[in-house]
Amino acid sequence: MTSAFTLSSSSSFLSPLHYLPRLILVVAVVSLPRPPAAVSPQASLFFSGKNTANPWVNTVPEALSDCIDKKQWQKALQVFEMLRKQRFYQPKEGTYMRLLVLLGRCGQPGQAQQLFYSMIEEGLEPTSQLYTALIGAYSRSNILDKAFAVLHAMIELPHCQMGMFTPTVY
């Protein structure tokens, strides 16, 4: 009777000792400690919550995306404000879109309106998709008079004509 770990001359099977350094490395990486609980709130935003064994910090845009994916609208707005204060950061339409949809889904139409108007103040021209996201935020909270007011304001703008998806609520 031969053992499963015995090497035969015709087999390409490697002994378990060959894999030992890799196993030790994997065990060491998996058993790294989590960050301490006494981390500041700003720093704790950046620790990855996706994998409990991952001690590495995210970049700020990754932290923003993670907060949006987890529907944590308050943390998402905090991270977004932190990003907007950086000279190198230029928010894109897609970021505003994701935040507006998040705020609508979380029942925060007032926050969505503030974000929309701050976007306009920063010089980003709203598109029909951004208007639709704001209309969706109002509609989800049953604030239909403001939703229709935004819709009528959008229709009057030459660059924001209603498309076939405009009435859709996200």
C-alpha atoms as a PDB file:
ATOM      1  CA  MET A   1       0.000   0.000   0.000  1.00  0.00           C
ATOM      2  CA  THR A   2       1.477   3.323  -1.035  1.00  0.00           C
ATOM      3  CA  SER A   3       0.823   6.665   0.549  1.00  0.00           C
ATOM      4  CA  ALA A   4      -0.788   9.482  -1.409  1.00  0.00           C
ATOM      5  CA  PHE A   5       2.289  11.573  -0.712  1.00  0.00           C
ATOM      6  CA  THR A   6       4.808   9.140  -2.123  1.00  0.00           C
ATOM      7  CA  LEU A   7       6.444  10.275  -5.311  1.00  0.00           C
ATOM      8  CA  SER A   8       6.659   7.799  -8.126  1.00  0.00           C
ATOM      9  CA  SER A   9       9.186   8.222 -10.847  1.00  0.00           C
ATOM     10  CA  SER A  10       6.518   8.728 -13.523  1.00  0.00           C
ATOM     11  CA  SER A  11       4.308  11.112 -11.538  1.00  0.00           C
ATOM     12  CA  SER A  12       4.545  14.894 -11.594  1.00  0.00           C
ATOM     13  CA  PHE A  13       3.012  15.132  -8.117  1.00  0.00           C
ATOM     14  CA  LEU A  14       4.916  17.398  -5.734  1.00  0.00           C
ATOM     15  CA  SER A  15       5.238  16.689  -2.065  1.00  0.00           C
ATOM     16  CA  PRO A  16       3.244  18.773   0.447  1.00  0.00           C
ATOM     17  CA  LEU A  17       6.521  20.280   1.661  1.00  0.00           C
ATOM     18  CA  HIS A  18       6.796  22.021  -1.701  1.00  0.00           C
ATOM     19  CA  TYR A  19       3.598  23.985  -0.941  1.00  0.00           C
ATOM     20  CA  LEU A  20       4.449  24.771   2.701  1.00  0.00           C
ATOM     21  CA  PRO A  21       5.945  28.279   2.149  1.00  0.00           C
ATOM     22  CA  ARG A  22       2.857  29.330   0.190  1.00  0.00           C
ATOM     23  CA  LEU A  23       0.516  27.938   2.854  1.00  0.00           C
ATOM     24  CA  ILE A  24       2.333  29.827   5.593  1.00  0.00           C
ATOM     25  CA  LEU A  25       2.130  33.043   3.575  1.00  0.00           C
ATOM     26  CA  VAL A  26      -1.611  32.617   2.984  1.00  0.00           C
ATOM     27  CA  VAL A  27      -2.267  31.886   6.668  1.00  0.00           C
ATOM     28  CA  ALA A  28      -0.218  34.936   7.675  1.00  0.00           C
ATOM     29  CA  VAL A  29      -2.095  37.258   5.298  1.00  0.00           C
ATOM     30  CA  VAL A  30      -5.530  35.951   6.281  1.00  0.00           C
ATOM     31  CA  SER A  31      -4.798  36.315   9.984  1.00  0.00           C
ATOM     32  CA  LEU A  32      -3.743  39.982   9.850  1.00  0.00           C
ATOM     33  CA  PRO A  33      -5.576  42.008  12.513  1.00  0.00           C
ATOM     34  CA  ARG A  34      -8.413  44.421  11.752  1.00  0.00           C
ATOM     35  CA  PRO A  35      -7.786  48.149  12.340  1.00  0.00           C
ATOM     36  CA  PRO A  36      -8.297  49.257  15.936  1.00  0.00           C
ATOM     37  CA  ALA A  37     -11.769  50.358  17.014  1.00  0.00           C
ATOM     38  CA  ALA A  38     -10.442  53.723  18.178  1.00  0.00           C
ATOM     39  CA  VAL A  39      -9.844  54.979  14.632  1.00  0.00           C
ATOM     40  CA  SER A  40     -11.197  58.432  13.826  1.00  0.00           C
ATOM     41  CA  PRO A  41     -14.509  58.547  11.902  1.00  0.00           C
ATOM     42  CA  GLN A  42     -12.783  60.046   8.856  1.00  0.00           C
ATOM     43  CA  ALA A  43     -10.138  57.321   8.781  1.00  0.00           C
ATOM     44  CA  SER A  44     -12.645  54.541   9.396  1.00  0.00           C
ATOM     45  CA  LEU A  45     -14.453  55.515   6.182  1.00  0.00           C
ATOM     46  CA  PHE A  46     -11.492  54.263   4.216  1.00  0.00           C
ATOM     47  CA  PHE A  47     -11.106  50.795   5.732  1.00  0.00           C
ATOM     48  CA  SER A  48     -12.518  48.199   3.425  1.00  0.00           C
ATOM     49  CA  GLY A  49     -15.603  46.452   4.738  1.00  0.00           C
ATOM     50  CA  LYS A  50     -15.863  44.100   1.760  1.00  0.00           C
ATOM     51  CA  ASN A  51     -13.406  41.577   3.117  1.00  0.00           C
ATOM     52  CA  THR A  52     -12.965  41.270   6.876  1.00  0.00           C
ATOM     53  CA  ALA A  53      -9.376  40.131   6.417  1.00  0.00           C
ATOM     54  CA  ASN A  54      -8.407  43.108   4.244  1.00  0.00           C
ATOM     55  CA  PRO A  55      -6.525  45.676   6.333  1.00  0.00           C
ATOM     56  CA  TRP A  56      -5.677  47.912   3.362  1.00  0.00           C
ATOM     57  CA  VAL A  57      -7.276  51.291   2.949  1.00  0.00           C
ATOM     58  CA  ASN A  58      -9.351  52.266  -0.048  1.00  0.00           C
ATOM     59  CA  THR A  59      -8.791  55.318  -2.144  1.00  0.00           C
ATOM     60  CA  VAL A  60     -11.319  58.058  -1.467  1.00  0.00           C
ATOM     61  CA  PRO A  61     -13.261  57.486  -4.713  1.00  0.00           C
ATOM     62  CA  GLU A  62     -13.438  53.767  -3.870  1.00  0.00           C
ATOM     63  CA  ALA A  63     -14.755  54.653  -0.405  1.00  0.00           C
ATOM     64  CA  LEU A  64     -17.398  56.861  -2.038  1.00  0.00           C
ATOM     65  CA  SER A  65     -18.436  54.073  -4.385  1.00  0.00           C
ATOM     66  CA  ASP A  66     -18.548  51.618  -1.490  1.00  0.00           C
ATOM     67  CA  CYS A  67     -20.807  53.938   0.540  1.00  0.00           C
ATOM     68  CA  ILE A  68     -23.124  54.366  -2.439  1.00  0.00           C
ATOM     69  CA  ASP A  69     -23.282  50.603  -3.012  1.00  0.00           C
ATOM     70  CA  LYS A  70     -24.155  50.044   0.659  1.00  0.00           C
ATOM     71  CA  LYS A  71     -26.799  52.819   0.531  1.00  0.00           C
ATOM     72  CA  GLN A  72     -25.044  54.809   3.267  1.00  0.00           C
ATOM     73  CA  TRP A  73     -26.115  58.227   2.023  1.00  0.00           C
ATOM     74  CA  GLN A  74     -24.739  60.251   4.956  1.00  0.00           C
ATOM     75  CA  LYS A  75     -21.261  58.732   4.705  1.00  0.00           C
ATOM     76  CA  ALA A  76     -21.394  59.053   0.918  1.00  0.00           C
ATOM     77  CA  LEU A  77     -22.106  62.782   1.189  1.00  0.00           C
ATOM     78  CA  GLN A  78     -19.302  63.203   3.760  1.00  0.00           C
ATOM     79  CA  VAL A  79     -16.795  61.465   1.501  1.00  0.00           C
ATOM     80  CA  PHE A  80     -18.039  63.436  -1.514  1.00  0.00           C
ATOM     81  CA  GLU A  81     -17.597  66.730   0.366  1.00  0.00           C
ATOM     82  CA  MET A  82     -14.086  65.642   1.333  1.00  0.00           C
ATOM     83  CA  LEU A  83     -13.355  64.892  -2.325  1.00  0.00           C
ATOM     84  CA  ARG A  84     -14.768  68.189  -3.582  1.00  0.00           C
ATOM     85  CA  LYS A  85     -12.391  70.109  -1.308  1.00  0.00           C
ATOM     86  CA  GLN A  86      -9.407  68.595  -3.121  1.00  0.00           C
ATOM     87  CA  ARG A  87      -7.951  70.777  -5.860  1.00  0.00           C
ATOM     88  CA  PHE A  88      -7.293  67.829  -8.158  1.00  0.00           C
ATOM     89  CA  TYR A  89     -10.836  66.433  -8.015  1.00  0.00           C
ATOM     90  CA  GLN A  90     -13.378  67.376 -10.662  1.00  0.00           C
ATOM     91  CA  PRO A  91     -16.715  65.654 -10.018  1.00  0.00           C
ATOM     92  CA  LYS A  92     -18.201  64.013 -13.079  1.00  0.00           C
ATOM     93  CA  GLU A  93     -21.795  63.737 -14.172  1.00  0.00           C
ATOM     94  CA  GLY A  94     -21.832  60.029 -13.311  1.00  0.00           C
ATOM     95  CA  THR A  95     -20.874  60.708  -9.703  1.00  0.00           C
ATOM     96  CA  TYR A  96     -23.684  63.224  -9.318  1.00  0.00           C
ATOM     97  CA  MET A  97     -26.051  60.784 -11.001  1.00  0.00           C
ATOM     98  CA  ARG A  98     -25.200  57.965  -8.594  1.00  0.00           C
ATOM     99  CA  LEU A  99     -25.552  60.271  -5.596  1.00  0.00           C
ATOM    100  CA  LEU A 100     -28.894  61.681  -6.776  1.00  0.00           C
ATOM    101  CA  VAL A 101     -30.271  58.184  -7.358  1.00  0.00           C
ATOM    102  CA  LEU A 102     -28.969  57.073  -3.941  1.00  0.00           C
ATOM    103  CA  LEU A 103     -30.600  60.030  -2.196  1.00  0.00           C
ATOM    104  CA  GLY A 104     -33.858  59.344  -4.014  1.00  0.00           C
ATOM    105  CA  ARG A 105     -33.827  55.686  -3.000  1.00  0.00           C
ATOM    106  CA  CYS A 106     -33.058  56.602   0.606  1.00  0.00           C
ATOM    107  CA  GLY A 107     -35.951  59.078   0.787  1.00  0.00           C
ATOM    108  CA  GLN A 108     -33.818  62.227   0.917  1.00  0.00           C
ATOM    109  CA  PRO A 109     -35.253  64.561  -1.761  1.00  0.00           C
ATOM    110  CA  GLY A 110     -34.101  67.678   0.112  1.00  0.00           C
ATOM    111  CA  GLN A 111     -30.510  66.468   0.076  1.00  0.00           C
ATOM    112  CA  ALA A 112     -30.896  65.571  -3.606  1.00  0.00           C
ATOM    113  CA  GLN A 113     -32.111  69.093  -4.364  1.00  0.00           C
ATOM    114  CA  GLN A 114     -29.182  70.644  -2.478  1.00  0.00           C
ATOM    115  CA  LEU A 115     -26.737  68.425  -4.351  1.00  0.00           C
ATOM    116  CA  PHE A 116     -28.368  69.290  -7.682  1.00  0.00           C
ATOM    117  CA  TYR A 117     -28.151  73.042  -7.061  1.00  0.00           C
ATOM    118  CA  SER A 118     -24.581  72.833  -5.759  1.00  0.00           C
ATOM    119  CA  MET A 119     -23.703  70.986  -8.960  1.00  0.00           C
ATOM    120  CA  ILE A 120     -25.147  73.868 -11.005  1.00  0.00           C
ATOM    121  CA  GLU A 121     -23.258  76.423  -8.859  1.00  0.00           C
ATOM    122  CA  GLU A 122     -20.007  74.602  -9.590  1.00  0.00           C
ATOM    123  CA  GLY A 123     -20.609  75.106 -13.291  1.00  0.00           C
ATOM    124  CA  LEU A 124     -21.674  71.618 -14.345  1.00  0.00           C
ATOM    125  CA  GLU A 125     -24.549  71.874 -16.771  1.00  0.00           C
ATOM    126  CA  PRO A 126     -27.326  69.426 -15.853  1.00  0.00           C
ATOM    127  CA  THR A 127     -28.401  66.917 -18.444  1.00  0.00           C
ATOM    128  CA  SER A 128     -31.806  65.343 -18.900  1.00  0.00           C
ATOM    129  CA  GLN A 129     -30.518  62.287 -17.018  1.00  0.00           C
ATOM    130  CA  LEU A 130     -29.617  64.398 -13.973  1.00  0.00           C
ATOM    131  CA  TYR A 131     -33.001  66.127 -14.107  1.00  0.00           C
ATOM    132  CA  THR A 132     -34.632  62.702 -14.323  1.00  0.00           C
ATOM    133  CA  ALA A 133     -32.722  61.542 -11.237  1.00  0.00           C
ATOM    134  CA  LEU A 134     -33.962  64.596  -9.308  1.00  0.00           C
ATOM    135  CA  ILE A 135     -37.526  63.989 -10.536  1.00  0.00           C
ATOM    136  CA  GLY A 136     -37.173  60.385  -9.370  1.00  0.00           C
ATOM    137  CA  ALA A 137     -36.023  61.523  -5.911  1.00  0.00           C
ATOM    138  CA  TYR A 138     -39.121  63.710  -5.560  1.00  0.00           C
ATOM    139  CA  SER A 139     -41.426  61.033  -6.959  1.00  0.00           C
ATOM    140  CA  ARG A 140     -40.194  58.326  -4.590  1.00  0.00           C
ATOM    141  CA  SER A 141     -41.040  60.611  -1.669  1.00  0.00           C
ATOM    142  CA  ASN A 142     -44.469  61.528  -3.109  1.00  0.00           C
ATOM    143  CA  ILE A 143     -43.518  65.174  -3.621  1.00  0.00           C
ATOM    144  CA  LEU A 144     -45.172  65.274  -7.002  1.00  0.00           C
ATOM    145  CA  ASP A 145     -45.669  69.041  -7.221  1.00  0.00           C
ATOM    146  CA  LYS A 146     -41.890  69.608  -7.095  1.00  0.00           C
ATOM    147  CA  ALA A 147     -41.323  66.673  -9.460  1.00  0.00           C
ATOM    148  CA  PHE A 148     -43.647  68.248 -12.039  1.00  0.00           C
ATOM    149  CA  ALA A 149     -42.061  71.677 -11.484  1.00  0.00           C
ATOM    150  CA  VAL A 150     -38.614  70.219 -12.253  1.00  0.00           C
ATOM    151  CA  LEU A 151     -40.049  68.390 -15.261  1.00  0.00           C
ATOM    152  CA  HIS A 152     -41.542  71.600 -16.666  1.00  0.00           C
ATOM    153  CA  ALA A 153     -38.300  73.506 -16.017  1.00  0.00           C
ATOM    154  CA  MET A 154     -36.400  70.778 -17.837  1.00  0.00           C
ATOM    155  CA  ILE A 155     -38.736  70.861 -20.834  1.00  0.00           C
ATOM    156  CA  GLU A 156     -38.146  74.609 -21.237  1.00  0.00           C
ATOM    157  CA  LEU A 157     -34.378  74.168 -21.563  1.00  0.00           C
ATOM    158  CA  PRO A 158     -33.202  73.655 -25.149  1.00  0.00           C
ATOM    159  CA  HIS A 159     -30.450  71.166 -24.278  1.00  0.00           C
ATOM    160  CA  CYS A 160     -32.637  69.057 -21.971  1.00  0.00           C
ATOM    161  CA  GLN A 161     -35.497  67.716 -23.991  1.00  0.00           C
ATOM    162  CA  MET A 162     -37.424  64.763 -22.652  1.00  0.00           C
ATOM    163  CA  GLY A 163     -36.175  61.433 -23.858  1.00  0.00           C
ATOM    164  CA  MET A 164     -38.073  58.201 -23.834  1.00  0.00           C
ATOM    165  CA  PHE A 165     -36.708  57.319 -20.351  1.00  0.00           C
ATOM    166  CA  THR A 166     -37.346  60.668 -18.648  1.00  0.00           C
ATOM    167  CA  PRO A 167     -40.596  59.682 -16.897  1.00  0.00           C
ATOM    168  CA  THR A 168     -38.939  56.573 -15.477  1.00  0.00           C
ATOM    169  CA  VAL A 169     -38.518  56.570 -11.696  1.00  0.00           C
ATOM    170  CA  TYR A 170     -35.232  54.992 -10.592  1.00  0.00           C
END
